Amino acid sequence: MKRSIAALATTALVMTTSLVFAGGASAQTMDKVAKVGALGDQSGLYQDIGGPGSTVAAQMAIEDSGLLAKGWKIDLISADHQNKPDVAVNIGKQWIDVEKVDVFVDLAASNVGLAIANLA
């Protein structure tokens, strides 16, 4: 239980930090719109250290960031990569090309994280 809470707190911190950096990059374009993709293992081996809880933590971080009150529109989408790099890359390509996701969060498994890093 303590590990899950620590993982959620860490995810929230990383998410807030990501939004701050994404906010700085997006502020240059002045559109004040950001899309966050929580790509996690929602149903497999790593669901306890990320997964559904991480998606909730990302939403909480968006709300706590204070950017919504400053006129930002921040959308959160999530998907299950099933702990498979090929599935993650296909979702990542869709999110980058079609959904226009700005930030990826919840890449707890190294195989998926490295695959998305290569994609990005």
C-alpha atoms as a PDB file:
ATOM      1  CA  MET A   1       0.000   0.000   0.000  1.00  0.00           C
ATOM      2  CA  LYS A   2       2.804   2.407   0.893  1.00  0.00           C
ATOM      3  CA  ARG A   3       4.477   1.665  -2.432  1.00  0.00           C
ATOM      4  CA  SER A   4       1.273   2.461  -4.334  1.00  0.00           C
ATOM      5  CA  ILE A   5       0.868   5.773  -2.526  1.00  0.00           C
ATOM      6  CA  ALA A   6       4.523   6.622  -3.134  1.00  0.00           C
ATOM      7  CA  ALA A   7       4.151   5.715  -6.798  1.00  0.00           C
ATOM      8  CA  LEU A   8       1.065   7.936  -7.124  1.00  0.00           C
ATOM      9  CA  ALA A   9       2.811  10.815  -5.386  1.00  0.00           C
ATOM     10  CA  THR A  10       5.847  10.424  -7.638  1.00  0.00           C
ATOM     11  CA  THR A  11       3.624  10.283 -10.719  1.00  0.00           C
ATOM     12  CA  ALA A  12       1.813  13.448  -9.625  1.00  0.00           C
ATOM     13  CA  LEU A  13       5.130  15.232  -9.104  1.00  0.00           C
ATOM     14  CA  VAL A  14       6.471  14.128 -12.488  1.00  0.00           C
ATOM     15  CA  MET A  15       3.186  15.079 -14.139  1.00  0.00           C
ATOM     16  CA  THR A  16       3.222  18.554 -12.615  1.00  0.00           C
ATOM     17  CA  THR A  17       6.843  19.042 -13.639  1.00  0.00           C
ATOM     18  CA  SER A  18       6.036  17.844 -17.158  1.00  0.00           C
ATOM     19  CA  LEU A  19       3.143  20.285 -17.388  1.00  0.00           C
ATOM     20  CA  VAL A  20       5.357  23.148 -16.287  1.00  0.00           C
ATOM     21  CA  PHE A  21       7.916  22.340 -18.986  1.00  0.00           C
ATOM     22  CA  ALA A  22       5.225  21.663 -21.572  1.00  0.00           C
ATOM     23  CA  GLY A  23       3.595  24.920 -20.503  1.00  0.00           C
ATOM     24  CA  GLY A  24       6.788  26.817 -21.210  1.00  0.00           C
ATOM     25  CA  ALA A  25       7.110  25.289 -24.663  1.00  0.00           C
ATOM     26  CA  SER A  26       3.445  25.818 -25.511  1.00  0.00           C
ATOM     27  CA  ALA A  27       3.496  29.363 -24.169  1.00  0.00           C
ATOM     28  CA  GLN A  28       5.705  30.257 -27.093  1.00  0.00           C
ATOM     29  CA  THR A  29       2.855  29.383 -29.453  1.00  0.00           C
ATOM     30  CA  MET A  30       0.304  31.107 -27.167  1.00  0.00           C
ATOM     31  CA  ASP A  31      -2.432  28.523 -27.812  1.00  0.00           C
ATOM     32  CA  LYS A  32      -2.677  27.446 -24.136  1.00  0.00           C
ATOM     33  CA  VAL A  33      -3.751  23.929 -25.071  1.00  0.00           C
ATOM     34  CA  ALA A  34      -1.967  20.775 -23.955  1.00  0.00           C
ATOM     35  CA  LYS A  35      -2.783  17.127 -24.389  1.00  0.00           C
ATOM     36  CA  VAL A  36      -1.391  14.567 -21.953  1.00  0.00           C
ATOM     37  CA  GLY A  37      -1.233  10.866 -22.736  1.00  0.00           C
ATOM     38  CA  ALA A  38      -1.070   8.417 -19.834  1.00  0.00           C
ATOM     39  CA  LEU A  39       0.296   5.299 -21.505  1.00  0.00           C
ATOM     40  CA  GLY A  40       0.428   2.689 -18.781  1.00  0.00           C
ATOM     41  CA  ASP A  41       0.036  -0.974 -18.033  1.00  0.00           C
ATOM     42  CA  GLN A  42      -3.630  -0.875 -17.067  1.00  0.00           C
ATOM     43  CA  SER A  43      -4.150  -4.622 -16.717  1.00  0.00           C
ATOM     44  CA  GLY A  44      -0.858  -6.478 -16.388  1.00  0.00           C
ATOM     45  CA  LEU A  45       2.276  -6.894 -14.325  1.00  0.00           C
ATOM     46  CA  TYR A  46       2.911  -3.175 -13.699  1.00  0.00           C
ATOM     47  CA  GLN A  47      -0.651  -2.027 -13.052  1.00  0.00           C
ATOM     48  CA  ASP A  48       0.020  -1.644  -9.320  1.00  0.00           C
ATOM     49  CA  ILE A  49       2.860   0.863  -9.786  1.00  0.00           C
ATOM     50  CA  GLY A  50       1.095   2.870 -12.438  1.00  0.00           C
ATOM     51  CA  GLY A  51      -1.931   1.877 -14.419  1.00  0.00           C
ATOM     52  CA  PRO A  52      -5.352   3.206 -13.415  1.00  0.00           C
ATOM     53  CA  GLY A  53      -3.969   4.910 -10.309  1.00  0.00           C
ATOM     54  CA  SER A  54      -1.423   6.755 -12.380  1.00  0.00           C
ATOM     55  CA  THR A  55      -4.130   8.067 -14.684  1.00  0.00           C
ATOM     56  CA  VAL A  56      -6.010   9.380 -11.643  1.00  0.00           C
ATOM     57  CA  ALA A  57      -2.772  10.917 -10.319  1.00  0.00           C
ATOM     58  CA  ALA A  58      -2.169  12.616 -13.677  1.00  0.00           C
ATOM     59  CA  GLN A  59      -5.675  14.109 -13.581  1.00  0.00           C
ATOM     60  CA  MET A  60      -5.071  15.312 -10.020  1.00  0.00           C
ATOM     61  CA  ALA A  61      -1.760  16.863 -11.079  1.00  0.00           C
ATOM     62  CA  ILE A  62      -3.487  18.699 -13.919  1.00  0.00           C
ATOM     63  CA  GLU A  63      -6.065  20.081 -11.487  1.00  0.00           C
ATOM     64  CA  ASP A  64      -3.419  20.980  -8.881  1.00  0.00           C
ATOM     65  CA  SER A  65      -1.112  22.682 -11.387  1.00  0.00           C
ATOM     66  CA  GLY A  66      -3.244  25.829 -11.419  1.00  0.00           C
ATOM     67  CA  LEU A  67      -3.002  26.067 -15.198  1.00  0.00           C
ATOM     68  CA  LEU A  68      -6.728  25.456 -15.701  1.00  0.00           C
ATOM     69  CA  ALA A  69      -7.456  28.601 -13.670  1.00  0.00           C
ATOM     70  CA  LYS A  70      -5.072  30.516 -15.943  1.00  0.00           C
ATOM     71  CA  GLY A  71      -7.093  29.663 -19.035  1.00  0.00           C
ATOM     72  CA  TRP A  72      -5.275  26.532 -20.142  1.00  0.00           C
ATOM     73  CA  LYS A  73      -7.159  23.645 -21.701  1.00  0.00           C
ATOM     74  CA  ILE A  74      -5.463  20.388 -20.683  1.00  0.00           C
ATOM     75  CA  ASP A  75      -6.883  17.112 -21.940  1.00  0.00           C
ATOM     76  CA  LEU A  76      -5.885  13.729 -20.545  1.00  0.00           C
ATOM     77  CA  ILE A  77      -6.208  10.505 -22.482  1.00  0.00           C
ATOM     78  CA  SER A  78      -5.075   7.061 -21.378  1.00  0.00           C
ATOM     79  CA  ALA A  79      -4.442   3.659 -22.880  1.00  0.00           C
ATOM     80  CA  ASP A  80      -3.200   0.202 -21.917  1.00  0.00           C
ATOM     81  CA  HIS A  81       0.085  -0.793 -23.569  1.00  0.00           C
ATOM     82  CA  GLN A  82      -0.283  -4.354 -22.167  1.00  0.00           C
ATOM     83  CA  ASN A  83       3.451  -4.317 -21.336  1.00  0.00           C
ATOM     84  CA  LYS A  84       4.221  -4.786 -25.036  1.00  0.00           C
ATOM     85  CA  PRO A  85       6.546  -2.337 -26.800  1.00  0.00           C
ATOM     86  CA  ASP A  86       4.911  -2.871 -30.193  1.00  0.00           C
ATOM     87  CA  VAL A  87       1.470  -2.050 -28.796  1.00  0.00           C
ATOM     88  CA  ALA A  88       2.906   1.016 -27.045  1.00  0.00           C
ATOM     89  CA  VAL A  89       4.585   2.250 -30.242  1.00  0.00           C
ATOM     90  CA  ASN A  90       1.370   1.853 -32.234  1.00  0.00           C
ATOM     91  CA  ILE A  91      -0.573   3.792 -29.605  1.00  0.00           C
ATOM     92  CA  GLY A  92       2.230   6.380 -29.431  1.00  0.00           C
ATOM     93  CA  LYS A  93       2.222   6.904 -33.203  1.00  0.00           C
ATOM     94  CA  GLN A  94      -1.555   7.356 -33.164  1.00  0.00           C
ATOM     95  CA  TRP A  95      -1.335   9.817 -30.293  1.00  0.00           C
ATOM     96  CA  ILE A  96       1.458  11.861 -31.869  1.00  0.00           C
ATOM     97  CA  ASP A  97       0.126  11.907 -35.435  1.00  0.00           C
ATOM     98  CA  VAL A  98      -3.635  12.044 -34.906  1.00  0.00           C
ATOM     99  CA  GLU A  99      -4.372  12.987 -31.294  1.00  0.00           C
ATOM    100  CA  LYS A 100      -1.527  15.565 -31.099  1.00  0.00           C
ATOM    101  CA  VAL A 101      -0.388  14.476 -27.610  1.00  0.00           C
ATOM    102  CA  ASP A 102       2.222  16.823 -26.134  1.00  0.00           C
ATOM    103  CA  VAL A 103       3.370  14.840 -23.083  1.00  0.00           C
ATOM    104  CA  PHE A 104       3.565  11.121 -22.288  1.00  0.00           C
ATOM    105  CA  VAL A 105       3.339   9.947 -18.667  1.00  0.00           C
ATOM    106  CA  ASP A 106       3.294   6.578 -16.842  1.00  0.00           C
ATOM    107  CA  LEU A 107       5.994   4.748 -18.755  1.00  0.00           C
ATOM    108  CA  ALA A 108       7.005   2.572 -15.781  1.00  0.00           C
ATOM    109  CA  ALA A 109       8.282  -0.443 -17.738  1.00  0.00           C
ATOM    110  CA  SER A 110      11.686   0.078 -19.349  1.00  0.00           C
ATOM    111  CA  ASN A 111      10.806  -1.889 -22.497  1.00  0.00           C
ATOM    112  CA  VAL A 112       7.870   0.411 -23.201  1.00  0.00           C
ATOM    113  CA  GLY A 113       9.649   3.564 -22.044  1.00  0.00           C
ATOM    114  CA  LEU A 114      12.597   2.939 -24.362  1.00  0.00           C
ATOM    115  CA  ALA A 115      10.285   2.180 -27.283  1.00  0.00           C
ATOM    116  CA  ILE A 116       8.394   5.445 -26.782  1.00  0.00           C
ATOM    117  CA  ALA A 117      11.688   7.362 -26.289  1.00  0.00           C
ATOM    118  CA  ASN A 118      12.846   6.081 -29.658  1.00  0.00           C
ATOM    119  CA  LEU A 119       9.522   7.084 -31.191  1.00  0.00           C
ATOM    120  CA  ALA A 120       9.621  10.562 -29.695  1.00  0.00           C
END
